[in-house]
Protein backbone atom coordinates (compact mmCIF):
# COMPACT_ATOMS: atom_id res chain seq x y z
CA MET A 1 -0.07 -0.14 0.06
CA ASN A 2 1.33 3.26 -0.87
CA ALA A 3 1.39 6.10 1.64
CA ARG A 4 -1.24 7.97 0.12
CA ARG A 5 -3.88 5.43 0.60
CA ARG A 6 -2.29 4.68 4.06
CA LYS A 7 -2.35 8.00 4.68
CA GLU A 8 -6.17 8.44 3.60
CA LEU A 9 -6.66 5.06 6.11
CA SER A 10 -5.09 7.10 8.76
CA LYS A 11 -8.12 9.71 8.65
CA ALA A 12 -10.70 7.12 8.43
CA LEU A 13 -9.29 5.08 11.73
CA GLU A 14 -9.40 8.53 13.32
CA LEU A 15 -13.06 9.08 12.39
CA LEU A 16 -14.14 5.45 13.25
CA ASN A 17 -12.04 6.65 16.40
CA THR A 18 -14.34 9.11 17.48
CA ALA A 19 -17.10 7.25 16.71
CA TYR A 20 -16.21 4.95 18.95
CA SER A 21 -16.07 7.44 21.93
CA ILE A 22 -19.57 8.82 20.76
CA ILE A 23 -20.95 5.61 20.96
CA GLU A 24 -19.30 4.22 23.72
CA SER A 25 -20.68 7.14 26.11
CA VAL A 26 -23.96 7.66 25.23
CA LYS A 27 -24.10 3.81 25.41
CA GLU A 28 -23.00 4.04 28.87
CA ASP A 29 -25.41 7.19 29.66
CA GLU A 30 -28.24 5.29 28.42
CA ILE A 31 -27.60 1.92 30.38
CA GLU A 32 -26.94 4.09 33.60
CA ALA A 33 -30.48 6.05 32.59
CA PHE A 34 -31.85 3.07 32.91
CA GLU A 35 -30.71 1.24 35.05
CA ASN A 36 -31.65 4.39 37.28
CA LEU A 37 -35.55 3.65 36.71
CA PRO A 38 -37.39 2.27 39.01
CA GLU A 39 -38.22 -1.12 38.18
CA GLY A 40 -41.82 -0.45 37.17
CA LEU A 41 -40.51 1.91 34.27
CA GLN A 42 -37.67 -0.62 33.46
CA GLN A 43 -40.68 -3.01 32.34
CA ALA A 44 -42.44 -0.43 30.67
CA GLU A 45 -42.66 0.22 26.68
CA GLN A 46 -40.47 2.78 27.19
CA GLY A 47 -37.69 1.43 29.76
CA SER A 48 -37.52 -1.61 27.31
CA LYS A 49 -36.81 0.83 24.40
CA MET A 50 -33.99 1.82 26.53
CA GLU A 51 -32.87 -1.75 27.51
CA GLU A 52 -32.35 -2.35 23.67
CA ILE A 53 -31.23 0.51 22.72
CA GLY A 54 -27.88 -0.11 25.02
CA PHE A 55 -27.90 -3.25 23.42
CA GLU A 56 -27.87 -2.01 19.95
CA LEU A 57 -25.34 0.47 20.93
CA GLU A 58 -22.95 -2.32 22.75
CA ASP A 59 -23.20 -4.51 19.40
CA MET A 60 -21.98 -1.62 17.49
CA VAL A 61 -19.13 -0.77 20.12
CA GLY A 62 -18.18 -4.26 19.59
CA SER A 63 -17.95 -3.95 16.01
CA LEU A 64 -16.50 -0.54 15.75
CA GLU A 65 -13.69 -1.83 17.94
CA GLU A 66 -12.99 -5.22 14.99
CA TYR A 67 -13.29 -2.47 12.49
CA THR A 68 -10.78 -0.09 14.14
CA GLU A 69 -8.15 -2.70 14.95
CA THR A 70 -8.26 -4.38 11.40
CA LEU A 71 -8.45 -0.60 10.13
CA ASP A 72 -5.00 -0.57 12.43
CA SER A 73 -3.36 -3.63 10.92
CA ILE A 74 -3.38 -2.82 7.62
CA ILE A 75 -2.05 0.63 7.79
CA SER A 76 0.55 -0.55 10.30
CA GLY A 77 1.35 -3.46 7.63
CA ASP A 78 0.72 -5.98 10.30
CA TYR A 79 -2.40 -7.62 8.11
């Protein structure tokens, strides 16, 4: 891979890391908000949606982590 493409991928990696940080932060806030709801509200429709969003964001964080690790390997030439 030439230097220009490596530089472009480095920019993409930086953006993915930023996205990861934002999504991780929002996920933690959403899970904390859900956990702070009274049990009755946790089981209500809104509580269920909050919990589901937390799980979806957790999945996204895991995927982004995999993508950033792979991209980092490609950039560093370890792939």
